[in-house]
C-alpha atoms as a PDB file:
ATOM      1  CA  MET A   1     -10.935  22.361  -4.582  1.00  0.00           C
ATOM      2  CA  THR A   2      -9.341  19.914  -2.184  1.00  0.00           C
ATOM      3  CA  HIS A   3     -10.021  16.253  -1.641  1.00  0.00           C
ATOM      4  CA  SER A   4      -8.727  13.596   0.679  1.00  0.00           C
ATOM      5  CA  ALA A   5      -6.405  10.631   0.298  1.00  0.00           C
ATOM      6  CA  ALA A   6      -5.616   7.361   2.046  1.00  0.00           C
ATOM      7  CA  PHE A   7      -1.938   6.592   2.666  1.00  0.00           C
ATOM      8  CA  PHE A   8      -0.875   3.005   3.316  1.00  0.00           C
ATOM      9  CA  ASP A   9       2.309   1.457   4.573  1.00  0.00           C
ATOM     10  CA  LEU A  10       2.947  -1.821   2.728  1.00  0.00           C
ATOM     11  CA  ASP A  11       4.623  -4.450   4.916  1.00  0.00           C
ATOM     12  CA  LYS A  12       2.395  -5.959   7.652  1.00  0.00           C
ATOM     13  CA  THR A  13      -0.263  -3.424   6.666  1.00  0.00           C
ATOM     14  CA  ILE A  14      -1.213  -4.590   3.178  1.00  0.00           C
ATOM     15  CA  LEU A  15       1.169  -7.537   2.980  1.00  0.00           C
ATOM     16  CA  ALA A  16       1.694 -10.132   5.692  1.00  0.00           C
ATOM     17  CA  LYS A  17       5.485 -10.097   5.209  1.00  0.00           C
ATOM     18  CA  SER A  18       8.322  -7.802   4.187  1.00  0.00           C
ATOM     19  CA  SER A  19       8.048  -7.147   0.446  1.00  0.00           C
ATOM     20  CA  ALA A  20      11.780  -6.520   0.077  1.00  0.00           C
ATOM     21  CA  LEU A  21      12.803  -9.729   1.848  1.00  0.00           C
ATOM     22  CA  ALA A  22      10.145 -11.830   0.112  1.00  0.00           C
ATOM     23  CA  PHE A  23      12.007 -11.624  -3.198  1.00  0.00           C
ATOM     24  CA  ALA A  24      15.234 -13.080  -1.778  1.00  0.00           C
ATOM     25  CA  ARG A  25      14.765 -16.498  -3.387  1.00  0.00           C
ATOM     26  CA  PRO A  26      13.896 -15.175  -6.869  1.00  0.00           C
ATOM     27  CA  PHE A  27      16.934 -12.876  -6.664  1.00  0.00           C
ATOM     28  CA  TYR A  28      19.040 -15.880  -5.627  1.00  0.00           C
ATOM     29  CA  LYS A  29      17.778 -17.909  -8.583  1.00  0.00           C
ATOM     30  CA  GLY A  30      18.553 -14.958 -10.831  1.00  0.00           C
ATOM     31  CA  GLY A  31      22.151 -14.907  -9.587  1.00  0.00           C
ATOM     32  CA  LEU A  32      21.898 -11.540  -7.838  1.00  0.00           C
ATOM     33  CA  ILE A  33      22.560 -12.797  -4.315  1.00  0.00           C
ATOM     34  CA  GLY A  34      24.230 -15.805  -2.700  1.00  0.00           C
ATOM     35  CA  ARG A  35      22.917 -18.491  -0.369  1.00  0.00           C
ATOM     36  CA  ARG A  36      24.229 -16.619   2.656  1.00  0.00           C
ATOM     37  CA  ASP A  37      22.118 -13.576   1.752  1.00  0.00           C
ATOM     38  CA  VAL A  38      19.060 -15.813   1.384  1.00  0.00           C
ATOM     39  CA  LEU A  39      19.597 -17.119   4.916  1.00  0.00           C
ATOM     40  CA  LYS A  40      20.065 -13.585   6.230  1.00  0.00           C
ATOM     41  CA  SER A  41      16.846 -12.528   4.535  1.00  0.00           C
ATOM     42  CA  ALA A  42      14.964 -15.513   5.984  1.00  0.00           C
ATOM     43  CA  TYR A  43      16.164 -14.643   9.491  1.00  0.00           C
ATOM     44  CA  ALA A  44      15.315 -10.969   8.996  1.00  0.00           C
ATOM     45  CA  GLN A  45      11.848 -11.947   7.746  1.00  0.00           C
ATOM     46  CA  PHE A  46      11.276 -14.076  10.847  1.00  0.00           C
ATOM     47  CA  THR A  47      12.410 -11.261  13.143  1.00  0.00           C
ATOM     48  CA  PHE A  48      10.221  -8.780  11.274  1.00  0.00           C
ATOM     49  CA  LEU A  49       7.139 -10.984  11.611  1.00  0.00           C
ATOM     50  CA  VAL A  50       7.671 -11.710  15.294  1.00  0.00           C
ATOM     51  CA  SER A  51       8.622  -8.296  16.637  1.00  0.00           C
ATOM     52  CA  GLY A  52       8.466  -5.754  13.821  1.00  0.00           C
ATOM     53  CA  ALA A  53      11.376  -3.455  13.074  1.00  0.00           C
ATOM     54  CA  ASP A  54      12.587  -0.643  15.297  1.00  0.00           C
ATOM     55  CA  HIS A  55      14.679   2.359  14.270  1.00  0.00           C
ATOM     56  CA  ASP A  56      18.059   0.628  14.666  1.00  0.00           C
ATOM     57  CA  GLN A  57      16.932  -2.389  12.649  1.00  0.00           C
ATOM     58  CA  MET A  58      15.591  -0.158   9.882  1.00  0.00           C
ATOM     59  CA  GLU A  59      18.910   1.664   9.703  1.00  0.00           C
ATOM     60  CA  GLN A  60      20.757  -1.651   9.589  1.00  0.00           C
ATOM     61  CA  MET A  61      18.456  -2.773   6.786  1.00  0.00           C
ATOM     62  CA  ARG A  62      19.174   0.426   4.901  1.00  0.00           C
ATOM     63  CA  THR A  63      22.937  -0.127   5.095  1.00  0.00           C
ATOM     64  CA  TYR A  64      22.633  -3.804   4.213  1.00  0.00           C
ATOM     65  CA  LEU A  65      20.391  -3.273   1.188  1.00  0.00           C
ATOM     66  CA  SER A  66      22.480  -0.371  -0.062  1.00  0.00           C
ATOM     67  CA  ALA A  67      25.598  -2.532  -0.132  1.00  0.00           C
ATOM     68  CA  LEU A  68      23.733  -5.577  -1.425  1.00  0.00           C
ATOM     69  CA  VAL A  69      22.209  -4.009  -4.545  1.00  0.00           C
ATOM     70  CA  THR A  70      25.269  -2.048  -5.658  1.00  0.00           C
ATOM     71  CA  GLY A  71      26.047  -3.089  -9.209  1.00  0.00           C
ATOM     72  CA  TRP A  72      22.769  -4.928  -9.803  1.00  0.00           C
ATOM     73  CA  ASP A  73      21.266  -4.592 -13.269  1.00  0.00           C
ATOM     74  CA  VAL A  74      18.037  -2.573 -12.927  1.00  0.00           C
ATOM     75  CA  ASP A  75      16.263  -4.203 -15.870  1.00  0.00           C
ATOM     76  CA  GLN A  76      17.031  -7.658 -14.474  1.00  0.00           C
ATOM     77  CA  VAL A  77      15.546  -6.728 -11.104  1.00  0.00           C
ATOM     78  CA  ARG A  78      12.392  -5.408 -12.743  1.00  0.00           C
ATOM     79  CA  ALA A  79      12.091  -8.536 -14.875  1.00  0.00           C
ATOM     80  CA  ILE A  80      12.438 -10.863 -11.859  1.00  0.00           C
ATOM     81  CA  VAL A  81       9.829  -8.918  -9.900  1.00  0.00           C
ATOM     82  CA  ALA A  82       7.406  -8.958 -12.851  1.00  0.00           C
ATOM     83  CA  GLU A  83       7.888 -12.695 -13.424  1.00  0.00           C
ATOM     84  CA  THR A  84       7.392 -13.699  -9.789  1.00  0.00           C
ATOM     85  CA  LEU A  85       4.783 -11.167  -8.669  1.00  0.00           C
ATOM     86  CA  ASP A  86       1.887 -13.648  -8.772  1.00  0.00           C
ATOM     87  CA  GLU A  87       3.836 -16.313  -6.914  1.00  0.00           C
ATOM     88  CA  ILE A  88       5.341 -14.024  -4.277  1.00  0.00           C
ATOM     89  CA  VAL A  89       2.810 -11.282  -3.658  1.00  0.00           C
ATOM     90  CA  ASP A  90      -0.687 -12.716  -4.112  1.00  0.00           C
ATOM     91  CA  PRO A  91      -0.456 -15.151  -1.152  1.00  0.00           C
ATOM     92  CA  MET A  92       0.865 -12.342   1.074  1.00  0.00           C
ATOM     93  CA  VAL A  93      -1.955  -9.844   0.609  1.00  0.00           C
ATOM     94  CA  PHE A  94      -4.441  -9.256   3.406  1.00  0.00           C
ATOM     95  CA  GLY A  95      -7.921  -9.592   1.947  1.00  0.00           C
ATOM     96  CA  GLU A  96      -9.149  -6.944   4.395  1.00  0.00           C
ATOM     97  CA  ALA A  97      -6.595  -4.504   2.999  1.00  0.00           C
ATOM     98  CA  VAL A  98      -7.811  -5.035  -0.568  1.00  0.00           C
ATOM     99  CA  ASP A  99     -11.388  -4.368   0.531  1.00  0.00           C
ATOM    100  CA  LEU A 100     -10.339  -1.273   2.471  1.00  0.00           C
ATOM    101  CA  ILE A 101      -8.414   0.123  -0.504  1.00  0.00           C
ATOM    102  CA  GLU A 102     -11.469  -0.313  -2.726  1.00  0.00           C
ATOM    103  CA  GLU A 103     -13.707   1.361  -0.137  1.00  0.00           C
ATOM    104  CA  HIS A 104     -11.483   4.437  -0.161  1.00  0.00           C
ATOM    105  CA  LYS A 105     -11.444   4.506  -3.961  1.00  0.00           C
ATOM    106  CA  GLN A 106     -15.231   4.246  -4.095  1.00  0.00           C
ATOM    107  CA  ALA A 107     -15.405   7.146  -1.634  1.00  0.00           C
ATOM    108  CA  GLY A 108     -13.438   9.251  -4.118  1.00  0.00           C
ATOM    109  CA  ARG A 109     -10.125   9.257  -2.266  1.00  0.00           C
ATOM    110  CA  ASP A 110      -6.757   8.751  -3.903  1.00  0.00           C
ATOM    111  CA  VAL A 111      -4.987   5.700  -2.468  1.00  0.00           C
ATOM    112  CA  ILE A 112      -1.211   5.916  -2.086  1.00  0.00           C
ATOM    113  CA  ILE A 113       1.321   3.375  -0.838  1.00  0.00           C
ATOM    114  CA  ILE A 114       4.518   4.646   0.782  1.00  0.00           C
ATOM    115  CA  SER A 115       6.973   1.881   1.657  1.00  0.00           C
ATOM    116  CA  SER A 116      10.608   1.591   2.666  1.00  0.00           C
ATOM    117  CA  SER A 117      11.042  -1.245   0.155  1.00  0.00           C
ATOM    118  CA  GLY A 118      12.664  -0.374  -3.156  1.00  0.00           C
ATOM    119  CA  THR A 119      10.551   1.418  -5.729  1.00  0.00           C
ATOM    120  CA  GLU A 120      11.130  -1.382  -8.272  1.00  0.00           C
ATOM    121  CA  VAL A 121       9.267  -3.684  -5.876  1.00  0.00           C
ATOM    122  CA  VAL A 122       6.680  -1.226  -4.540  1.00  0.00           C
ATOM    123  CA  GLU A 123       5.454   0.182  -7.851  1.00  0.00           C
ATOM    124  CA  PRO A 124       4.469  -3.178  -9.436  1.00  0.00           C
ATOM    125  CA  ILE A 125       2.681  -4.173  -6.228  1.00  0.00           C
ATOM    126  CA  GLY A 126       0.848  -0.850  -6.222  1.00  0.00           C
ATOM    127  CA  GLU A 127      -0.143  -1.363  -9.841  1.00  0.00           C
ATOM    128  CA  ARG A 128      -1.406  -4.857  -9.020  1.00  0.00           C
ATOM    129  CA  LEU A 129      -3.520  -3.444  -6.196  1.00  0.00           C
ATOM    130  CA  GLY A 130      -4.885  -0.673  -8.402  1.00  0.00           C
ATOM    131  CA  VAL A 131      -3.756   2.229  -6.215  1.00  0.00           C
ATOM    132  CA  HIS A 132      -3.252   5.719  -7.599  1.00  0.00           C
ATOM    133  CA  ARG A 133       0.431   5.932  -6.693  1.00  0.00           C
ATOM    134  CA  ALA A 134       3.132   3.860  -4.997  1.00  0.00           C
ATOM    135  CA  LEU A 135       6.354   5.308  -3.598  1.00  0.00           C
ATOM    136  CA  GLY A 136       9.339   3.333  -2.387  1.00  0.00           C
ATOM    137  CA  THR A 137      12.958   3.888  -1.440  1.00  0.00           C
ATOM    138  CA  GLN A 138      14.888   5.167  -4.451  1.00  0.00           C
ATOM    139  CA  ILE A 139      18.466   4.134  -5.151  1.00  0.00           C
ATOM    140  CA  GLY A 140      20.763   5.895  -7.603  1.00  0.00           C
ATOM    141  CA  ILE A 141      21.147   4.407 -11.091  1.00  0.00           C
ATOM    142  CA  VAL A 142      24.052   4.944 -13.484  1.00  0.00           C
ATOM    143  CA  ASP A 143      24.317   3.144 -16.838  1.00  0.00           C
ATOM    144  CA  GLY A 144      21.476   0.812 -15.871  1.00  0.00           C
ATOM    145  CA  LYS A 145      23.169  -0.312 -12.622  1.00  0.00           C
ATOM    146  CA  TYR A 146      22.393   0.538  -9.018  1.00  0.00           C
ATOM    147  CA  THR A 147      25.048   2.733  -7.427  1.00  0.00           C
ATOM    148  CA  GLY A 148      24.026   1.899  -3.870  1.00  0.00           C
ATOM    149  CA  GLU A 149      23.432   5.586  -3.082  1.00  0.00           C
ATOM    150  CA  ILE A 150      20.033   6.020  -1.469  1.00  0.00           C
ATOM    151  CA  LEU A 151      18.408   9.107  -2.941  1.00  0.00           C
ATOM    152  CA  PHE A 152      15.187   8.853  -0.947  1.00  0.00           C
ATOM    153  CA  TYR A 153      14.602   6.602   2.040  1.00  0.00           C
ATOM    154  CA  ALA A 154      10.863   6.096   2.565  1.00  0.00           C
ATOM    155  CA  TYR A 155      11.108   5.675   6.299  1.00  0.00           C
ATOM    156  CA  GLY A 156      10.161   7.657   9.401  1.00  0.00           C
ATOM    157  CA  GLU A 157      10.029  11.390   8.792  1.00  0.00           C
ATOM    158  CA  GLY A 158      10.849  10.728   5.134  1.00  0.00           C
ATOM    159  CA  LYS A 159       7.424   9.156   4.677  1.00  0.00           C
ATOM    160  CA  ALA A 160       5.735  12.129   6.299  1.00  0.00           C
ATOM    161  CA  GLU A 161       7.650  14.542   4.061  1.00  0.00           C
ATOM    162  CA  ALA A 162       6.616  12.568   0.979  1.00  0.00           C
ATOM    163  CA  LEU A 163       3.012  12.579   2.187  1.00  0.00           C
ATOM    164  CA  ARG A 164       2.998  16.356   2.657  1.00  0.00           C
ATOM    165  CA  ALA A 165       4.656  16.898  -0.729  1.00  0.00           C
ATOM    166  CA  LEU A 166       1.948  14.804  -2.399  1.00  0.00           C
ATOM    167  CA  ALA A 167      -0.710  16.780  -0.527  1.00  0.00           C
ATOM    168  CA  ARG A 168       0.678  20.071  -1.845  1.00  0.00           C
ATOM    169  CA  GLU A 169       1.011  18.672  -5.360  1.00  0.00           C
ATOM    170  CA  ASN A 170      -2.483  17.187  -5.524  1.00  0.00           C
ATOM    171  CA  GLY A 171      -4.449  19.437  -3.187  1.00  0.00           C
ATOM    172  CA  TYR A 172      -5.176  16.822  -0.538  1.00  0.00           C
ATOM    173  CA  ASN A 173      -6.844  17.984   2.643  1.00  0.00           C
ATOM    174  CA  LEU A 174      -4.747  16.136   5.205  1.00  0.00           C
ATOM    175  CA  ALA A 175      -7.239  16.802   7.984  1.00  0.00           C
ATOM    176  CA  ASP A 176      -9.728  14.666   6.055  1.00  0.00           C
ATOM    177  CA  SER A 177      -7.153  12.087   4.952  1.00  0.00           C
ATOM    178  CA  TYR A 178      -6.313   8.649   6.345  1.00  0.00           C
ATOM    179  CA  ALA A 179      -3.051   6.847   7.092  1.00  0.00           C
ATOM    180  CA  TYR A 180      -2.499   3.178   7.918  1.00  0.00           C
ATOM    181  CA  SER A 181       0.586   1.513   9.374  1.00  0.00           C
ATOM    182  CA  ASP A 182       1.721  -1.266  11.672  1.00  0.00           C
ATOM    183  CA  SER A 183       4.902   0.359  12.972  1.00  0.00           C
ATOM    184  CA  ILE A 184       5.846   2.997  15.505  1.00  0.00           C
ATOM    185  CA  THR A 185       8.492   4.122  12.999  1.00  0.00           C
ATOM    186  CA  ASP A 186       5.621   5.471  10.871  1.00  0.00           C
ATOM    187  CA  LEU A 187       4.344   7.710  13.658  1.00  0.00           C
ATOM    188  CA  PRO A 188       5.266  10.906  11.708  1.00  0.00           C
ATOM    189  CA  MET A 189       3.106   9.754   8.779  1.00  0.00           C
ATOM    190  CA  LEU A 190       0.201   8.852  11.060  1.00  0.00           C
ATOM    191  CA  GLU A 191       0.403  12.182  12.864  1.00  0.00           C
ATOM    192  CA  ALA A 192       0.293  14.080   9.557  1.00  0.00           C
ATOM    193  CA  VAL A 193      -3.347  13.166   8.838  1.00  0.00           C
ATOM    194  CA  GLY A 194      -6.661  13.619  10.559  1.00  0.00           C
ATOM    195  CA  HIS A 195      -7.492   9.908  10.589  1.00  0.00           C
ATOM    196  CA  PRO A 196      -4.520   7.779  11.744  1.00  0.00           C
ATOM    197  CA  ILE A 197      -5.217   4.061  12.024  1.00  0.00           C
ATOM    198  CA  GLY A 198      -3.024   1.253  13.322  1.00  0.00           C
ATOM    199  CA  VAL A 199      -3.065  -2.031  11.393  1.00  0.00           C
ATOM    200  CA  ASN A 200      -1.625  -5.026  13.234  1.00  0.00           C
ATOM    201  CA  PRO A 201       0.316  -2.471  15.287  1.00  0.00           C
ATOM    202  CA  ASP A 202       3.501  -3.310  17.136  1.00  0.00           C
ATOM    203  CA  ALA A 203       3.446  -2.903  20.914  1.00  0.00           C
ATOM    204  CA  ALA A 204       4.677   0.696  20.889  1.00  0.00           C
ATOM    205  CA  LEU A 205       2.177   1.847  18.275  1.00  0.00           C
ATOM    206  CA  ARG A 206      -0.671  -0.058  19.933  1.00  0.00           C
ATOM    207  CA  LYS A 207       0.085   1.774  23.177  1.00  0.00           C
ATOM    208  CA  ILE A 208       0.041   5.190  21.477  1.00  0.00           C
ATOM    209  CA  ALA A 209      -3.145   4.298  19.616  1.00  0.00           C
ATOM    210  CA  ALA A 210      -4.823   3.448  22.930  1.00  0.00           C
ATOM    211  CA  GLU A 211      -3.581   6.668  24.553  1.00  0.00           C
ATOM    212  CA  ARG A 212      -4.798   8.810  21.648  1.00  0.00           C
ATOM    213  CA  SER A 213      -7.982   6.823  20.937  1.00  0.00           C
ATOM    214  CA  TRP A 214      -6.858   5.939  17.414  1.00  0.00           C
ATOM    215  CA  PRO A 215      -8.703   3.080  15.725  1.00  0.00           C
ATOM    216  CA  VAL A 216      -6.854  -0.228  15.450  1.00  0.00           C
ATOM    217  CA  LEU A 217      -7.463  -2.906  12.818  1.00  0.00           C
ATOM    218  CA  ASP A 218      -6.182  -6.462  13.178  1.00  0.00           C
ATOM    219  CA  PHE A 219      -5.966  -8.175   9.799  1.00  0.00           C
ATOM    220  CA  ALA A 220      -5.715 -11.962   9.649  1.00  0.00           C
ATOM    221  CA  ARG A 221      -2.590 -13.492   8.130  1.00  0.00           C
ATOM    222  CA  PRO A 222      -3.556 -14.786   4.699  1.00  0.00           C
ATOM    223  CA  VAL A 223      -3.299 -18.530   4.224  1.00  0.00           C
ATOM    224  CA  ALA A 224      -4.698 -18.861   0.748  1.00  0.00           C
ATOM    225  CA  MET A 225      -6.613 -16.331  -1.260  1.00  0.00           C
ATOM    226  CA  PRO A 226      -7.537 -15.908  -4.913  1.00  0.00           C
ATOM    227  CA  SER A 227      -5.534 -13.686  -7.184  1.00  0.00           C
ATOM    228  CA  VAL A 228      -5.526 -10.073  -6.078  1.00  0.00           C
ATOM    229  CA  ARG A 229      -6.801  -9.102  -9.510  1.00  0.00           C
ATOM    230  CA  GLN A 230      -9.748 -11.483  -9.118  1.00  0.00           C
ATOM    231  CA  ARG A 231     -10.593 -10.124  -5.687  1.00  0.00           C
ATOM    232  CA  ILE A 232     -10.465  -6.517  -6.899  1.00  0.00           C
ATOM    233  CA  ALA A 233     -12.627  -7.472  -9.866  1.00  0.00           C
ATOM    234  CA  VAL A 234     -15.220  -8.963  -7.491  1.00  0.00           C
ATOM    235  CA  VAL A 235     -15.238  -5.805  -5.349  1.00  0.00           C
ATOM    236  CA  ASN A 236     -15.536  -3.569  -8.405  1.00  0.00           C
ATOM    237  CA  THR A 237     -18.325  -5.697  -9.878  1.00  0.00           C
ATOM    238  CA  ALA A 238     -20.308  -5.458  -6.648  1.00  0.00           C
ATOM    239  CA  SER A 239     -19.715  -1.709  -6.517  1.00  0.00           C
ATOM    240  CA  ASN A 240     -20.751  -1.257 -10.133  1.00  0.00           C
ATOM    241  CA  ARG A 241     -23.872  -3.322  -9.493  1.00  0.00           C
ATOM    242  CA  ARG A 242     -24.805  -1.069  -6.561  1.00  0.00           C
ATOM    243  CA  THR A 243     -24.220   1.988  -8.751  1.00  0.00           C
ATOM    244  CA  ALA A 244     -26.335   0.534 -11.550  1.00  0.00           C
ATOM    245  CA  LEU A 245     -29.179  -0.215  -9.134  1.00  0.00           C
ATOM    246  CA  SER A 246     -28.986   3.336  -7.772  1.00  0.00           C
ATOM    247  CA  VAL A 247     -29.040   4.809 -11.264  1.00  0.00           C
ATOM    248  CA  GLY A 248     -31.916   2.518 -12.236  1.00  0.00           C
ATOM    249  CA  ALA A 249     -33.929   3.552  -9.199  1.00  0.00           C
ATOM    250  CA  ALA A 250     -33.265   7.226  -9.932  1.00  0.00           C
ATOM    251  CA  THR A 251     -34.365   6.734 -13.548  1.00  0.00           C
ATOM    252  CA  VAL A 252     -37.612   5.075 -12.449  1.00  0.00           C
ATOM    253  CA  ALA A 253     -38.247   7.893  -9.985  1.00  0.00           C
ATOM    254  CA  LEU A 254     -37.694  10.507 -12.665  1.00  0.00           C
ATOM    255  CA  GLY A 255     -39.987   8.599 -15.028  1.00  0.00           C
ATOM    256  CA  LEU A 256     -42.756   8.460 -12.454  1.00  0.00           C
ATOM    257  CA  ALA A 257     -42.370  12.162 -11.731  1.00  0.00           C
ATOM    258  CA  TRP A 258     -42.562  12.967 -15.467  1.00  0.00           C
ATOM    259  CA  TYR A 259     -45.648  10.764 -15.851  1.00  0.00           C
ATOM    260  CA  ALA A 260     -47.357  12.437 -12.874  1.00  0.00           C
ATOM    261  CA  THR A 261     -46.652  15.863 -14.328  1.00  0.00           C
ATOM    262  CA  ARG A 262     -48.157  14.835 -17.675  1.00  0.00           C
ATOM    263  CA  ARG A 263     -51.256  13.514 -15.889  1.00  0.00           C
ATOM    264  CA  ARG A 264     -51.716  16.768 -13.976  1.00  0.00           C
ATOM    265  CA  GLY A 265     -51.258  18.732 -17.204  1.00  0.00           C
ATOM    266  CA  ALA A 266     -53.843  16.640 -19.007  1.00  0.00           C
ATOM    267  CA  ALA A 267     -56.312  17.048 -16.154  1.00  0.00           C
ATOM    268  CA  THR A 268     -56.168  20.859 -16.334  1.00  0.00           C
END
């Protein structure tokens, strides 16, 4: 048997900002980076929000992050992310994205995030959102420290390759699957599924979406929203209520059918 999946980019698709750059200040407070790196991250975040990131910028980011994290203690990074997840991530999440993720889950699809941000950032966010799996860029680790060697870069064709590998591993029917992204750099991932959808697409992706009649979603930038966990709980409660009502109606129908059968039997 095969089933379908929904693949999501993370930054500007689920989150309003870059997840990797958003943790610059907590990393600074933890002594991992200096003030100059915080300023660089702030500028990069501004550029990312205004114009997105093209291929050259993504490659520059790859080189910069590789050099930056070399020697960092992995456990310290994970601890900082865990401690600041509520503060950093919850205000960045598009409410529409949370609802869309839950809709796919209720439809029986696996929901998977594939992001160029580091896996130590992506996985906790994926867990918070309740997705089935979250993949990020993987950097080599030796003796609990980052080596700076990028083992898997979740970008461009790399995302598409990861998507296809997951499809083979889990039996996903890609023709029935969905993919969501804001960036033209994710075109290979979008082209790998039967239902590609642009979310807040950059100019290049918006043009291709129009040419190919792909749906486009424009999510509003979150200003203030309740905890992601609370929002998911509300969605799940509503879904469970609908399921309970359906089951209750089916039970009543079965009861009436049983009663009618007994009446006919008694009459004969």
